[in-house]
Amino acid sequence: MRKYFRYHRGTLSDSMDTMREVQSMDDVKKLVNELVPDYFSNIHIRDKFTDPRCPNEWGEVSYFVLADFDGYTDQCVGYVNYNFEEDE
């Protein structure tokens, strides 16, 4: 199974345009931190959900990628199709 990350964007199409293959949670953290270096903390995965709108290579399963920043906690910054934290 290929593992993907995509940034949270206004539309699914815009989000899917940012889809990148990843191999680990470290890859996910690096991509999130590319948005604004040294801005996000506590990057983690939570809450599995089904989204049948995603293309076949993504699959129908998604997980939220959440982060803390600017005094806010658990803000959605992206999505993955695999829960890397279950491997840890």
N, C-alpha and C. Protein backbone atom coordinates (compact mmCIF):
# COMPACT_ATOMS: atom_id res chain seq x y z
N MET A 1 0.84 -1.19 0.00
CA MET A 1 0.00 0.00 0.00
C MET A 1 0.88 1.25 0.00
N ARG A 2 0.60 2.15 -0.91
CA ARG A 2 1.34 3.42 -0.95
C ARG A 2 0.72 4.36 0.07
N LYS A 3 1.57 5.11 0.74
CA LYS A 3 1.12 6.01 1.81
C LYS A 3 1.27 7.46 1.35
N TYR A 4 0.21 8.23 1.59
CA TYR A 4 0.19 9.60 1.09
C TYR A 4 -0.16 10.60 2.18
N PHE A 5 0.33 11.82 1.98
CA PHE A 5 -0.04 12.99 2.78
C PHE A 5 -0.55 14.05 1.82
N ARG A 6 -1.52 14.83 2.28
CA ARG A 6 -1.97 16.01 1.53
C ARG A 6 -2.29 17.11 2.52
N TYR A 7 -2.02 18.35 2.13
CA TYR A 7 -2.32 19.50 2.99
C TYR A 7 -3.81 19.78 3.03
N HIS A 8 -4.25 20.36 4.13
CA HIS A 8 -5.63 20.83 4.24
C HIS A 8 -5.76 22.07 3.37
N ARG A 9 -6.74 22.08 2.49
CA ARG A 9 -7.00 23.21 1.61
C ARG A 9 -8.50 23.44 1.53
N GLY A 10 -8.91 24.49 0.88
CA GLY A 10 -10.32 24.87 0.81
C GLY A 10 -11.21 23.87 0.09
N THR A 11 -10.69 23.25 -0.95
CA THR A 11 -11.48 22.25 -1.68
C THR A 11 -10.71 20.93 -1.72
N LEU A 12 -11.43 19.85 -1.94
CA LEU A 12 -10.78 18.56 -2.07
C LEU A 12 -9.80 18.57 -3.24
N SER A 13 -10.19 19.18 -4.34
CA SER A 13 -9.32 19.25 -5.51
C SER A 13 -8.01 19.97 -5.18
N ASP A 14 -8.11 21.11 -4.49
CA ASP A 14 -6.90 21.85 -4.10
C ASP A 14 -6.04 21.02 -3.16
N SER A 15 -6.67 20.31 -2.25
CA SER A 15 -5.95 19.46 -1.31
C SER A 15 -5.25 18.32 -2.04
N MET A 16 -5.95 17.66 -2.95
CA MET A 16 -5.37 16.53 -3.67
C MET A 16 -4.20 16.97 -4.55
N ASP A 17 -4.20 18.23 -4.99
CA ASP A 17 -3.08 18.74 -5.78
C ASP A 17 -1.78 18.76 -4.97
N THR A 18 -1.88 18.71 -3.64
CA THR A 18 -0.69 18.74 -2.78
C THR A 18 -0.28 17.35 -2.33
N MET A 19 -0.92 16.31 -2.82
CA MET A 19 -0.66 14.94 -2.37
C MET A 19 0.78 14.53 -2.67
N ARG A 20 1.42 13.96 -1.64
CA ARG A 20 2.79 13.48 -1.79
C ARG A 20 2.93 12.12 -1.12
N GLU A 21 3.71 11.26 -1.70
CA GLU A 21 3.96 9.97 -1.08
C GLU A 21 4.91 10.15 0.10
N VAL A 22 4.63 9.46 1.20
CA VAL A 22 5.45 9.51 2.41
C VAL A 22 5.73 8.09 2.88
N GLN A 23 6.80 7.95 3.68
CA GLN A 23 7.18 6.64 4.19
C GLN A 23 7.08 6.53 5.70
N SER A 24 6.98 7.68 6.39
CA SER A 24 7.01 7.66 7.86
C SER A 24 6.36 8.91 8.43
N MET A 25 6.17 8.87 9.75
CA MET A 25 5.64 10.05 10.44
C MET A 25 6.64 11.20 10.35
N ASP A 26 7.93 10.91 10.32
CA ASP A 26 8.93 11.96 10.14
C ASP A 26 8.74 12.68 8.80
N ASP A 27 8.43 11.94 7.75
CA ASP A 27 8.14 12.56 6.46
C ASP A 27 6.95 13.51 6.55
N VAL A 28 5.91 13.08 7.26
CA VAL A 28 4.71 13.91 7.44
C VAL A 28 5.08 15.19 8.18
N LYS A 29 5.84 15.06 9.25
CA LYS A 29 6.24 16.24 10.04
C LYS A 29 7.08 17.20 9.21
N LYS A 30 7.98 16.67 8.38
CA LYS A 30 8.78 17.54 7.51
C LYS A 30 7.90 18.32 6.54
N LEU A 31 6.91 17.66 5.95
CA LEU A 31 6.02 18.35 5.01
C LEU A 31 5.19 19.42 5.71
N VAL A 32 4.68 19.12 6.89
CA VAL A 32 3.91 20.12 7.64
C VAL A 32 4.79 21.32 7.95
N ASN A 33 6.02 21.06 8.37
CA ASN A 33 6.91 22.17 8.73
C ASN A 33 7.42 22.94 7.52
N GLU A 34 7.23 22.42 6.31
CA GLU A 34 7.57 23.18 5.11
C GLU A 34 6.64 24.38 4.94
N LEU A 35 5.42 24.28 5.47
CA LEU A 35 4.47 25.39 5.35
C LEU A 35 5.03 26.65 5.99
N VAL A 36 5.41 26.56 7.25
CA VAL A 36 6.04 27.66 7.98
C VAL A 36 7.04 27.01 8.95
N PRO A 37 8.33 27.07 8.65
CA PRO A 37 9.32 26.42 9.51
C PRO A 37 9.24 26.88 10.97
N ASP A 38 9.40 25.92 11.88
CA ASP A 38 9.43 26.16 13.33
C ASP A 38 8.17 26.81 13.86
N TYR A 39 7.04 26.58 13.24
CA TYR A 39 5.77 27.18 13.66
C TYR A 39 4.85 26.16 14.33
N PHE A 40 4.84 24.94 13.82
CA PHE A 40 3.93 23.92 14.31
C PHE A 40 4.61 23.04 15.36
N SER A 41 3.81 22.58 16.32
CA SER A 41 4.31 21.63 17.31
C SER A 41 3.25 20.55 17.53
N ASN A 42 3.65 19.49 18.20
CA ASN A 42 2.72 18.41 18.54
C ASN A 42 1.97 17.89 17.31
N ILE A 43 2.69 17.65 16.24
CA ILE A 43 2.08 17.14 15.00
C ILE A 43 1.75 15.67 15.23
N HIS A 44 0.49 15.32 15.02
CA HIS A 44 0.05 13.95 15.28
C HIS A 44 -1.15 13.57 14.41
N ILE A 45 -1.48 12.29 14.43
CA ILE A 45 -2.57 11.74 13.62
C ILE A 45 -3.71 11.33 14.53
N ARG A 46 -4.94 11.60 14.08
CA ARG A 46 -6.09 11.20 14.88
C ARG A 46 -7.32 11.04 14.00
N ASP A 47 -8.23 10.23 14.46
CA ASP A 47 -9.59 10.09 13.91
C ASP A 47 -9.64 9.61 12.47
N LYS A 48 -9.78 8.32 12.33
CA LYS A 48 -9.97 7.69 11.03
C LYS A 48 -11.37 8.03 10.50
N PHE A 49 -11.45 8.34 9.21
CA PHE A 49 -12.75 8.56 8.59
C PHE A 49 -12.72 8.09 7.15
N THR A 50 -13.87 7.89 6.59
CA THR A 50 -14.01 7.42 5.22
C THR A 50 -14.39 8.60 4.33
N ASP A 51 -13.69 8.73 3.22
CA ASP A 51 -14.01 9.78 2.25
C ASP A 51 -13.98 9.18 0.84
N PRO A 52 -15.13 8.73 0.35
CA PRO A 52 -15.17 8.07 -0.96
C PRO A 52 -14.88 9.00 -2.14
N ARG A 53 -14.74 10.30 -1.89
CA ARG A 53 -14.44 11.25 -2.97
C ARG A 53 -12.97 11.17 -3.41
N CYS A 54 -12.12 10.58 -2.58
CA CYS A 54 -10.69 10.52 -2.89
C CYS A 54 -10.41 9.57 -4.05
N PRO A 55 -9.34 9.84 -4.81
CA PRO A 55 -9.02 8.97 -5.94
C PRO A 55 -8.60 7.57 -5.48
N ASN A 56 -8.63 6.63 -6.40
CA ASN A 56 -8.32 5.24 -6.07
C ASN A 56 -6.97 5.07 -5.40
N GLU A 57 -5.93 5.79 -5.86
CA GLU A 57 -4.61 5.60 -5.27
C GLU A 57 -4.56 6.06 -3.81
N TRP A 58 -5.44 6.96 -3.41
CA TRP A 58 -5.51 7.40 -2.01
C TRP A 58 -6.27 6.37 -1.19
N GLY A 59 -7.31 5.80 -1.77
CA GLY A 59 -8.18 4.89 -1.02
C GLY A 59 -9.28 5.70 -0.34
N GLU A 60 -10.19 5.03 0.31
CA GLU A 60 -11.32 5.73 0.94
C GLU A 60 -11.05 6.09 2.40
N VAL A 61 -9.96 5.60 2.99
CA VAL A 61 -9.68 5.86 4.39
C VAL A 61 -8.74 7.05 4.53
N SER A 62 -9.07 7.94 5.46
CA SER A 62 -8.23 9.10 5.75
C SER A 62 -8.11 9.27 7.26
N TYR A 63 -7.06 9.96 7.66
CA TYR A 63 -6.84 10.34 9.05
C TYR A 63 -6.47 11.82 9.07
N PHE A 64 -6.91 12.53 10.08
CA PHE A 64 -6.54 13.93 10.24
C PHE A 64 -5.10 14.04 10.72
N VAL A 65 -4.35 14.98 10.16
CA VAL A 65 -3.04 15.36 10.69
C VAL A 65 -3.27 16.67 11.43
N LEU A 66 -3.05 16.65 12.73
CA LEU A 66 -3.32 17.79 13.59
C LEU A 66 -2.03 18.37 14.13
N ALA A 67 -2.06 19.67 14.46
CA ALA A 67 -0.89 20.32 15.03
C ALA A 67 -1.33 21.47 15.94
N ASP A 68 -0.43 21.86 16.80
CA ASP A 68 -0.65 23.03 17.67
C ASP A 68 0.14 24.20 17.08
N PHE A 69 -0.44 25.39 17.15
CA PHE A 69 0.26 26.60 16.73
C PHE A 69 -0.50 27.82 17.20
N ASP A 70 0.23 28.89 17.45
CA ASP A 70 -0.36 30.18 17.82
C ASP A 70 -1.34 30.10 18.98
N GLY A 71 -1.11 29.21 19.94
CA GLY A 71 -2.01 29.06 21.07
C GLY A 71 -3.20 28.15 20.82
N TYR A 72 -3.36 27.67 19.61
CA TYR A 72 -4.44 26.75 19.26
C TYR A 72 -3.92 25.31 19.32
N THR A 73 -4.80 24.39 19.68
CA THR A 73 -4.40 22.99 19.74
C THR A 73 -5.24 22.14 18.79
N ASP A 74 -4.65 21.06 18.34
CA ASP A 74 -5.35 20.09 17.49
C ASP A 74 -6.03 20.71 16.28
N GLN A 75 -5.29 21.54 15.55
CA GLN A 75 -5.81 22.15 14.34
C GLN A 75 -5.44 21.29 13.14
N CYS A 76 -6.38 21.08 12.24
CA CYS A 76 -6.13 20.24 11.07
C CYS A 76 -5.21 20.98 10.09
N VAL A 77 -4.08 20.33 9.77
CA VAL A 77 -3.15 20.89 8.80
C VAL A 77 -3.02 20.00 7.56
N GLY A 78 -3.60 18.80 7.63
CA GLY A 78 -3.53 17.89 6.49
C GLY A 78 -4.19 16.56 6.78
N TYR A 79 -3.93 15.62 5.86
CA TYR A 79 -4.54 14.29 5.95
C TYR A 79 -3.52 13.25 5.47
N VAL A 80 -3.64 12.05 6.00
CA VAL A 80 -2.87 10.91 5.52
C VAL A 80 -3.83 9.76 5.28
N ASN A 81 -3.39 8.80 4.49
CA ASN A 81 -4.23 7.62 4.25
C ASN A 81 -3.73 6.41 5.03
N TYR A 82 -2.82 6.66 6.00
CA TYR A 82 -2.25 5.59 6.80
C TYR A 82 -1.91 6.18 8.17
N ASN A 83 -2.16 5.42 9.23
CA ASN A 83 -1.85 5.91 10.57
C ASN A 83 -0.48 5.42 10.99
N PHE A 84 0.54 6.24 10.77
CA PHE A 84 1.91 5.89 11.12
C PHE A 84 2.10 5.70 12.61
N GLU A 85 1.29 6.37 13.43
CA GLU A 85 1.43 6.28 14.87
C GLU A 85 1.07 4.89 15.39
N GLU A 86 0.30 4.13 14.64
CA GLU A 86 0.00 2.75 15.06
C GLU A 86 1.23 1.86 14.92
N ASP A 87 2.21 2.28 14.14
CA ASP A 87 3.45 1.51 13.95
C ASP A 87 4.44 1.74 15.09
N GLU A 88 4.27 2.83 15.83
CA GLU A 88 5.24 3.20 16.86
C GLU A 88 5.07 2.37 18.11
